[in-house]
Structures are given as structure tokens and as C-alpha cells.
PDB file of N, CA and C in Angstrom:
ATOM      1  N   MET A   1       0.840  -1.175   0.000  1.00  0.00           N
ATOM      2  CA  MET A   1       0.000   0.000   0.000  1.00  0.00           C
ATOM      3  C   MET A   1       0.889   1.244   0.000  1.00  0.00           C
ATOM      4  N   CYS A   2       0.474   2.223  -0.730  1.00  0.00           N
ATOM      5  CA  CYS A   2       1.239   3.468  -0.741  1.00  0.00           C
ATOM      6  C   CYS A   2       0.782   4.350   0.422  1.00  0.00           C
ATOM      7  N   ALA A   3       1.431   5.484   0.603  1.00  0.00           N
ATOM      8  CA  ALA A   3       1.165   6.362   1.729  1.00  0.00           C
ATOM      9  C   ALA A   3      -0.291   6.810   1.794  1.00  0.00           C
ATOM     10  N   ALA A   4      -0.938   6.966   0.662  1.00  0.00           N
ATOM     11  CA  ALA A   4      -2.323   7.428   0.647  1.00  0.00           C
ATOM     12  C   ALA A   4      -3.302   6.292   0.936  1.00  0.00           C
ATOM     13  N   GLY A   5      -2.803   5.066   1.158  1.00  0.00           N
ATOM     14  CA  GLY A   5      -3.662   3.944   1.465  1.00  0.00           C
ATOM     15  C   GLY A   5      -4.229   3.236   0.248  1.00  0.00           C
ATOM     16  N   ARG A   6      -3.750   3.605  -0.927  1.00  0.00           N
ATOM     17  CA  ARG A   6      -4.213   2.957  -2.165  1.00  0.00           C
ATOM     18  C   ARG A   6      -3.126   2.027  -2.670  1.00  0.00           C
ATOM     19  N   ARG A   7      -3.557   0.992  -3.357  1.00  0.00           N
ATOM     20  CA  ARG A   7      -2.586   0.111  -4.006  1.00  0.00           C
ATOM     21  C   ARG A   7      -2.006   0.836  -5.209  1.00  0.00           C
ATOM     22  N   PRO A   8      -0.703   0.657  -5.486  1.00  0.00           N
ATOM     23  CA  PRO A   8      -0.123   1.262  -6.694  1.00  0.00           C
ATOM     24  C   PRO A   8      -0.765   0.654  -7.936  1.00  0.00           C
ATOM     25  N   ALA A   9      -0.864   1.440  -8.973  1.00  0.00           N
ATOM     26  CA  ALA A   9      -1.396   0.949 -10.244  1.00  0.00           C
ATOM     27  C   ALA A   9      -0.429  -0.068 -10.840  1.00  0.00           C
ATOM     28  N   ALA A  10      -0.945  -0.914 -11.714  1.00  0.00           N
ATOM     29  CA  ALA A  10      -0.088  -1.881 -12.402  1.00  0.00           C
ATOM     30  C   ALA A  10       0.997  -1.136 -13.171  1.00  0.00           C
ATOM     31  N   ALA A  11       2.083  -1.822 -13.417  1.00  0.00           N
ATOM     32  CA  ALA A  11       3.214  -1.208 -14.111  1.00  0.00           C
ATOM     33  C   ALA A  11       2.798  -0.719 -15.491  1.00  0.00           C
ATOM     34  N   SER A  12       3.266   0.450 -15.829  1.00  0.00           N
ATOM     35  CA  SER A  12       2.993   1.012 -17.148  1.00  0.00           C
ATOM     36  C   SER A  12       3.958   0.432 -18.166  1.00  0.00           C
ATOM     37  N   ARG A  13       3.655   0.661 -19.426  1.00  0.00           N
ATOM     38  CA  ARG A  13       4.577   0.202 -20.474  1.00  0.00           C
ATOM     39  C   ARG A  13       5.946   0.818 -20.298  1.00  0.00           C
ATOM     40  N   SER A  14       5.992   2.097 -19.919  1.00  0.00           N
ATOM     41  CA  SER A  14       7.292   2.749 -19.778  1.00  0.00           C
ATOM     42  C   SER A  14       8.088   2.140 -18.623  1.00  0.00           C
ATOM     43  N   THR A  15       7.395   1.745 -17.538  1.00  0.00           N
ATOM     44  CA  THR A  15       8.085   1.092 -16.423  1.00  0.00           C
ATOM     45  C   THR A  15       8.640  -0.255 -16.856  1.00  0.00           C
ATOM     46  N   LEU A  16       7.835  -1.017 -17.591  1.00  0.00           N
ATOM     47  CA  LEU A  16       8.302  -2.319 -18.069  1.00  0.00           C
ATOM     48  C   LEU A  16       9.434  -2.157 -19.076  1.00  0.00           C
ATOM     49  N   ALA A  17       9.359  -1.123 -19.913  1.00  0.00           N
ATOM     50  CA  ALA A  17      10.443  -0.855 -20.865  1.00  0.00           C
ATOM     51  C   ALA A  17      11.716  -0.478 -20.122  1.00  0.00           C
ATOM     52  N   LEU A  18      11.575   0.296 -19.064  1.00  0.00           N
ATOM     53  CA  LEU A  18      12.727   0.691 -18.256  1.00  0.00           C
ATOM     54  C   LEU A  18      13.374  -0.541 -17.626  1.00  0.00           C
ATOM     55  N   GLU A  19      12.550  -1.433 -17.093  1.00  0.00           N
ATOM     56  CA  GLU A  19      13.069  -2.668 -16.501  1.00  0.00           C
ATOM     57  C   GLU A  19      13.816  -3.494 -17.545  1.00  0.00           C
ATOM     58  N   ALA A  20      13.219  -3.668 -18.715  1.00  0.00           N
ATOM     59  CA  ALA A  20      13.849  -4.449 -19.782  1.00  0.00           C
ATOM     60  C   ALA A  20      15.153  -3.803 -20.230  1.00  0.00           C
ATOM     61  N   THR A  21      15.164  -2.481 -20.301  1.00  0.00           N
ATOM     62  CA  THR A  21      16.372  -1.763 -20.700  1.00  0.00           C
ATOM     63  C   THR A  21      17.480  -1.954 -19.676  1.00  0.00           C
ATOM     64  N   LEU A  22      17.140  -1.889 -18.391  1.00  0.00           N
ATOM     65  CA  LEU A  22      18.141  -2.087 -17.343  1.00  0.00           C
ATOM     66  C   LEU A  22      18.691  -3.507 -17.383  1.00  0.00           C
ATOM     67  N   ILE A  23      17.821  -4.480 -17.550  1.00  0.00           N
ATOM     68  CA  ILE A  23      18.275  -5.875 -17.620  1.00  0.00           C
ATOM     69  C   ILE A  23      19.245  -6.057 -18.784  1.00  0.00           C
ATOM     70  N   ALA A  24      18.915  -5.482 -19.947  1.00  0.00           N
ATOM     71  CA  ALA A  24      19.782  -5.593 -21.123  1.00  0.00           C
ATOM     72  C   ALA A  24      21.092  -4.838 -20.914  1.00  0.00           C
ATOM     73  N   ALA A  25      21.013  -3.642 -20.337  1.00  0.00           N
ATOM     74  CA  ALA A  25      22.226  -2.839 -20.116  1.00  0.00           C
ATOM     75  C   ALA A  25      23.158  -3.524 -19.134  1.00  0.00           C
ATOM     76  N   ALA A  26      22.603  -4.132 -18.099  1.00  0.00           N
ATOM     77  CA  ALA A  26      23.437  -4.861 -17.140  1.00  0.00           C
ATOM     78  C   ALA A  26      24.088  -6.068 -17.811  1.00  0.00           C
ATOM     79  N   ALA A  27      23.331  -6.775 -18.636  1.00  0.00           N
ATOM     80  CA  ALA A  27      23.874  -7.945 -19.340  1.00  0.00           C
ATOM     81  C   ALA A  27      25.030  -7.545 -20.243  1.00  0.00           C
ATOM     82  N   GLU A  28      24.903  -6.396 -20.908  1.00  0.00           N
ATOM     83  CA  GLU A  28      25.996  -5.919 -21.764  1.00  0.00           C
ATOM     84  C   GLU A  28      27.260  -5.661 -20.962  1.00  0.00           C
ATOM     85  N   ARG A  29      27.093  -5.409 -19.668  1.00  0.00           N
ATOM     86  CA  ARG A  29      28.229  -5.150 -18.781  1.00  0.00           C
ATOM     87  C   ARG A  29      28.657  -6.404 -18.027  1.00  0.00           C
ATOM     88  N   GLY A  30      28.065  -7.553 -18.387  1.00  0.00           N
ATOM     89  CA  GLY A  30      28.443  -8.820 -17.776  1.00  0.00           C
ATOM     90  C   GLY A  30      27.774  -9.110 -16.443  1.00  0.00           C
ATOM     91  N   VAL A  31      26.670  -8.413 -16.150  1.00  0.00           N
ATOM     92  CA  VAL A  31      25.972  -8.589 -14.878  1.00  0.00           C
ATOM     93  C   VAL A  31      24.579  -9.146 -15.150  1.00  0.00           C
ATOM     94  N   LEU A  32      24.250 -10.256 -14.502  1.00  0.00           N
ATOM     95  CA  LEU A  32      22.936 -10.857 -14.666  1.00  0.00           C
ATOM     96  C   LEU A  32      21.955 -10.227 -13.691  1.00  0.00           C
ATOM     97  N   VAL A  33      20.928  -9.604 -14.246  1.00  0.00           N
ATOM     98  CA  VAL A  33      19.828  -9.028 -13.475  1.00  0.00           C
ATOM     99  C   VAL A  33      18.568  -9.645 -14.050  1.00  0.00           C
ATOM    100  N   GLU A  34      17.697 -10.133 -13.187  1.00  0.00           N
ATOM    101  CA  GLU A  34      16.461 -10.754 -13.643  1.00  0.00           C
ATOM    102  C   GLU A  34      15.261  -9.911 -13.232  1.00  0.00           C
ATOM    103  N   ALA A  35      14.182 -10.028 -13.979  1.00  0.00           N
ATOM    104  CA  ALA A  35      12.951  -9.339 -13.626  1.00  0.00           C
ATOM    105  C   ALA A  35      12.485  -9.826 -12.259  1.00  0.00           C
ATOM    106  N   GLY A  36      11.979  -8.926 -11.458  1.00  0.00           N
ATOM    107  CA  GLY A  36      11.477  -9.286 -10.141  1.00  0.00           C
ATOM    108  C   GLY A  36      10.011  -9.669 -10.142  1.00  0.00           C
ATOM    109  N   ASP A  37       9.359  -9.559 -11.289  1.00  0.00           N
ATOM    110  CA  ASP A  37       7.916  -9.789 -11.369  1.00  0.00           C
ATOM    111  C   ASP A  37       7.444 -11.114 -10.758  1.00  0.00           C
ATOM    112  N   PRO A  38       8.150 -12.226 -10.954  1.00  0.00           N
ATOM    113  CA  PRO A  38       7.660 -13.473 -10.362  1.00  0.00           C
ATOM    114  C   PRO A  38       7.655 -13.475  -8.832  1.00  0.00           C
ATOM    115  N   PHE A  39       8.292 -12.493  -8.227  1.00  0.00           N
ATOM    116  CA  PHE A  39       8.458 -12.486  -6.779  1.00  0.00           C
ATOM    117  C   PHE A  39       7.643 -11.405  -6.074  1.00  0.00           C
ATOM    118  N   VAL A  40       6.838 -10.659  -6.820  1.00  0.00           N
ATOM    119  CA  VAL A  40       6.028  -9.594  -6.233  1.00  0.00           C
ATOM    120  C   VAL A  40       4.587  -9.703  -6.726  1.00  0.00           C
ATOM    121  N   ALA A  41       3.695  -9.012  -6.054  1.00  0.00           N
ATOM    122  CA  ALA A  41       2.287  -8.985  -6.458  1.00  0.00           C
ATOM    123  C   ALA A  41       2.167  -8.359  -7.847  1.00  0.00           C
ATOM    124  N   PRO A  42       1.176  -8.777  -8.632  1.00  0.00           N
ATOM    125  CA  PRO A  42       1.032  -8.274 -10.004  1.00  0.00           C
ATOM    126  C   PRO A  42       0.995  -6.746 -10.105  1.00  0.00           C
ATOM    127  N   GLU A  43       0.396  -6.081  -9.130  1.00  0.00           N
ATOM    128  CA  GLU A  43       0.322  -4.617  -9.207  1.00  0.00           C
ATOM    129  C   GLU A  43       1.674  -3.943  -8.983  1.00  0.00           C
ATOM    130  N   MET A  44       2.663  -4.711  -8.573  1.00  0.00           N
ATOM    131  CA  MET A  44       4.010  -4.168  -8.363  1.00  0.00           C
ATOM    132  C   MET A  44       4.950  -4.525  -9.516  1.00  0.00           C
ATOM    133  N   ALA A  45       4.432  -5.180 -10.550  1.00  0.00           N
ATOM    134  CA  ALA A  45       5.256  -5.616 -11.683  1.00  0.00           C
ATOM    135  C   ALA A  45       6.024  -4.451 -12.293  1.00  0.00           C
ATOM    136  N   GLY A  46       7.256  -4.727 -12.678  1.00  0.00           N
ATOM    137  CA  GLY A  46       8.085  -3.729 -13.344  1.00  0.00           C
ATOM    138  C   GLY A  46       8.810  -2.785 -12.415  1.00  0.00           C
ATOM    139  N   ARG A  47       8.649  -2.955 -11.122  1.00  0.00           N
ATOM    140  CA  ARG A  47       9.261  -2.023 -10.168  1.00  0.00           C
ATOM    141  C   ARG A  47      10.474  -2.596  -9.440  1.00  0.00           C
ATOM    142  N   PHE A  48      10.733  -3.888  -9.638  1.00  0.00           N
ATOM    143  CA  PHE A  48      11.818  -4.548  -8.918  1.00  0.00           C
ATOM    144  C   PHE A  48      12.602  -5.439  -9.864  1.00  0.00           C
ATOM    145  N   PHE A  49      13.858  -5.663  -9.535  1.00  0.00           N
ATOM    146  CA  PHE A  49      14.625  -6.663 -10.253  1.00  0.00           C
ATOM    147  C   PHE A  49      15.314  -7.542  -9.229  1.00  0.00           C
ATOM    148  N   ARG A  50      15.823  -8.661  -9.685  1.00  0.00           N
ATOM    149  CA  ARG A  50      16.398  -9.655  -8.795  1.00  0.00           C
ATOM    150  C   ARG A  50      17.876  -9.842  -9.094  1.00  0.00           C
ATOM    151  N   LEU A  51      18.656  -9.879  -8.047  1.00  0.00           N
ATOM    152  CA  LEU A  51      20.085 -10.161  -8.145  1.00  0.00           C
ATOM    153  C   LEU A  51      20.345 -11.509  -7.486  1.00  0.00           C
ATOM    154  N   GLY A  52      21.052 -12.386  -8.164  1.00  0.00           N
ATOM    155  CA  GLY A  52      21.364 -13.702  -7.605  1.00  0.00           C
ATOM    156  C   GLY A  52      22.649 -13.659  -6.797  1.00  0.00           C
ATOM    157  N   LEU A  53      22.606 -13.106  -5.627  1.00  0.00           N
ATOM    158  CA  LEU A  53      23.813 -12.914  -4.831  1.00  0.00           C
ATOM    159  C   LEU A  53      24.378 -14.200  -4.235  1.00  0.00           C
ATOM    160  N   SER A  54      23.535 -15.156  -3.923  1.00  0.00           N
ATOM    161  CA  SER A  54      24.023 -16.344  -3.224  1.00  0.00           C
ATOM    162  C   SER A  54      24.924 -17.224  -4.093  1.00  0.00           C
ATOM    163  N   ALA A  55      24.790 -17.124  -5.406  1.00  0.00           N
ATOM    164  CA  ALA A  55      25.588 -17.964  -6.306  1.00  0.00           C
ATOM    165  C   ALA A  55      26.801 -17.226  -6.875  1.00  0.00           C
ATOM    166  N   ILE A  56      27.023 -16.016  -6.424  1.00  0.00           N
ATOM    167  CA  ILE A  56      28.101 -15.176  -6.969  1.00  0.00           C
ATOM    168  C   ILE A  56      29.257 -15.100  -5.972  1.00  0.00           C
ATOM    169  N   ASP A  57      30.460 -15.209  -6.471  1.00  0.00           N
ATOM    170  CA  ASP A  57      31.642 -15.018  -5.632  1.00  0.00           C
ATOM    171  C   ASP A  57      31.530 -13.649  -4.967  1.00  0.00           C
ATOM    172  N   TRP A  58      31.650 -13.592  -3.673  1.00  0.00           N
ATOM    173  CA  TRP A  58      31.435 -12.350  -2.932  1.00  0.00           C
ATOM    174  C   TRP A  58      32.322 -11.206  -3.423  1.00  0.00           C
ATOM    175  N   GLN A  59      33.469 -11.532  -3.985  1.00  0.00           N
ATOM    176  CA  GLN A  59      34.371 -10.489  -4.477  1.00  0.00           C
ATOM    177  C   GLN A  59      33.871  -9.854  -5.779  1.00  0.00           C
ATOM    178  N   LEU A  60      32.893 -10.481  -6.421  1.00  0.00           N
ATOM    179  CA  LEU A  60      32.349  -9.943  -7.664  1.00  0.00           C
ATOM    180  C   LEU A  60      31.081  -9.109  -7.446  1.00  0.00           C
ATOM    181  N   ILE A  61      30.525  -9.172  -6.235  1.00  0.00           N
ATOM    182  CA  ILE A  61      29.260  -8.482  -5.976  1.00  0.00           C
ATOM    183  C   ILE A  61      29.428  -6.968  -6.048  1.00  0.00           C
ATOM    184  N   GLU A  62      30.392  -6.419  -5.340  1.00  0.00           N
ATOM    185  CA  GLU A  62      30.571  -4.961  -5.345  1.00  0.00           C
ATOM    186  C   GLU A  62      30.858  -4.423  -6.751  1.00  0.00           C
ATOM    187  N   PRO A  63      31.767  -5.030  -7.511  1.00  0.00           N
ATOM    188  CA  PRO A  63      31.977  -4.552  -8.883  1.00  0.00           C
ATOM    189  C   PRO A  63      30.715  -4.694  -9.745  1.00  0.00           C
ATOM    190  N   GLY A  64      29.927  -5.743  -9.506  1.00  0.00           N
ATOM    191  CA  GLY A  64      28.691  -5.921 -10.258  1.00  0.00           C
ATOM    192  C   GLY A  64      27.680  -4.829  -9.959  1.00  0.00           C
ATOM    193  N   ILE A  65      27.549  -4.481  -8.683  1.00  0.00           N
ATOM    194  CA  ILE A  65      26.648  -3.382  -8.298  1.00  0.00           C
ATOM    195  C   ILE A  65      27.130  -2.075  -8.926  1.00  0.00           C
ATOM    196  N   ALA A  66      28.440  -1.870  -8.958  1.00  0.00           N
ATOM    197  CA  ALA A  66      28.993  -0.666  -9.594  1.00  0.00           C
ATOM    198  C   ALA A  66      28.643  -0.625 -11.081  1.00  0.00           C
ATOM    199  N   GLU A  67      28.678  -1.771 -11.744  1.00  0.00           N
ATOM    200  CA  GLU A  67      28.310  -1.820 -13.167  1.00  0.00           C
ATOM    201  C   GLU A  67      26.828  -1.512 -13.363  1.00  0.00           C
ATOM    202  N   ILE A  68      25.985  -1.999 -12.453  1.00  0.00           N
ATOM    203  CA  ILE A  68      24.563  -1.675 -12.532  1.00  0.00           C
ATOM    204  C   ILE A  68      24.373  -0.169 -12.362  1.00  0.00           C
ATOM    205  N   ALA A  69      25.082   0.428 -11.429  1.00  0.00           N
ATOM    206  CA  ALA A  69      24.998   1.875 -11.223  1.00  0.00           C
ATOM    207  C   ALA A  69      25.425   2.636 -12.473  1.00  0.00           C
ATOM    208  N   LYS A  70      26.466   2.173 -13.132  1.00  0.00           N
ATOM    209  CA  LYS A  70      26.918   2.814 -14.377  1.00  0.00           C
ATOM    210  C   LYS A  70      25.860   2.663 -15.463  1.00  0.00           C
ATOM    211  N   ALA A  71      25.222   1.493 -15.522  1.00  0.00           N
ATOM    212  CA  ALA A  71      24.162   1.272 -16.512  1.00  0.00           C
ATOM    213  C   ALA A  71      22.993   2.216 -16.256  1.00  0.00           C
ATOM    214  N   VAL A  72      22.612   2.373 -14.998  1.00  0.00           N
ATOM    215  CA  VAL A  72      21.520   3.287 -14.654  1.00  0.00           C
ATOM    216  C   VAL A  72      21.902   4.723 -15.005  1.00  0.00           C
ATOM    217  N   ALA A  73      23.130   5.111 -14.698  1.00  0.00           N
ATOM    218  CA  ALA A  73      23.582   6.468 -15.029  1.00  0.00           C
ATOM    219  C   ALA A  73      23.517   6.708 -16.528  1.00  0.00           C
ATOM    220  N   ALA A  74      23.923   5.723 -17.310  1.00  0.00           N
ATOM    221  CA  ALA A  74      23.862   5.851 -18.768  1.00  0.00           C
ATOM    222  C   ALA A  74      22.413   5.935 -19.238  1.00  0.00           C
ATOM    223  N   MET A  75      21.536   5.166 -18.626  1.00  0.00           N
ATOM    224  CA  MET A  75      20.119   5.197 -18.991  1.00  0.00           C
ATOM    225  C   MET A  75      19.486   6.548 -18.681  1.00  0.00           C
ATOM    226  N   ARG A  76      19.926   7.185 -17.632  1.00  0.00           N
ATOM    227  CA  ARG A  76      19.366   8.493 -17.251  1.00  0.00           C
ATOM    228  C   ARG A  76      19.709   9.563 -18.281  1.00  0.00           C
ATOM    229  N   ARG A  77      20.783   9.324 -19.027  1.00  0.00           N
ATOM    230  CA  ARG A  77      21.182  10.284 -20.060  1.00  0.00           C
ATOM    231  C   ARG A  77      20.470  10.054 -21.378  1.00  0.00           C
ATOM    232  N   GLU A  78      19.792   8.893 -21.519  1.00  0.00           N
ATOM    233  CA  GLU A  78      19.114   8.546 -22.768  1.00  0.00           C
ATOM    234  C   GLU A  78      17.646   8.277 -22.484  1.00  0.00           C
ATOM    235  N   PRO A  79      16.750   8.732 -23.356  1.00  0.00           N
ATOM    236  CA  PRO A  79      15.335   8.410 -23.172  1.00  0.00           C
ATOM    237  C   PRO A  79      15.088   6.925 -23.379  1.00  0.00           C
ATOM    238  N   VAL A  80      14.153   6.379 -22.618  1.00  0.00           N
ATOM    239  CA  VAL A  80      13.788   4.970 -22.728  1.00  0.00           C
ATOM    240  C   VAL A  80      12.536   4.861 -23.578  1.00  0.00           C
ATOM    241  N   ALA A  81      12.587   4.006 -24.586  1.00  0.00           N
ATOM    242  CA  ALA A  81      11.415   3.801 -25.452  1.00  0.00           C
ATOM    243  C   ALA A  81      10.340   3.078 -24.668  1.00  0.00           C
ATOM    244  N   GLY A  82       9.092   3.362 -24.979  1.00  0.00           N
ATOM    245  CA  GLY A  82       8.025   2.648 -24.303  1.00  0.00           C
ATOM    246  C   GLY A  82       6.845   3.428 -24.268  1.00  0.00           C
TER     247      GLY A  82
END
């Protein structure tokens, strides 16, 4: 529930496009990011992603998060189709 006591609306096309763009941008940087949709309620779709931390060498996690941050920074400079 959001602060106003209403459930958030289902993910918009632009939100889903943003999620898909982030997943692709992370993959281009060698980082696996998965959609979080299977793990959240349908009305929250497109708002979360999943990182598989338990199967990753702990020394690769911090550099991977840094690559995701770089991907997000690059995305902020470019419009997302959707």
C-alpha cells in the first residue's frame, strides 16, 4: 500500500520498458539481473529486479553493483522507449 492507502497501479509500459532496458544494459556489462515480477504482487510488476547474490563469488558483488549503477547512469542520459 502506498502512503495514501491505495494500491499502486499496475506497471505502465514505460516502467516495463525501463526494466527491460536495465536488464539488457546490465547484461551488456556482464551482470545478470532478472525481472522481479515473479516475486512480487502483479500490481508491483516492473518495479523490482532480482540479483542472484548467493551464487556469486562475494568479491564480484561490489563490482557488479557498480556496473549496474553505471548502466543506470547511462540510462538516465538517454530516453527509454516505451
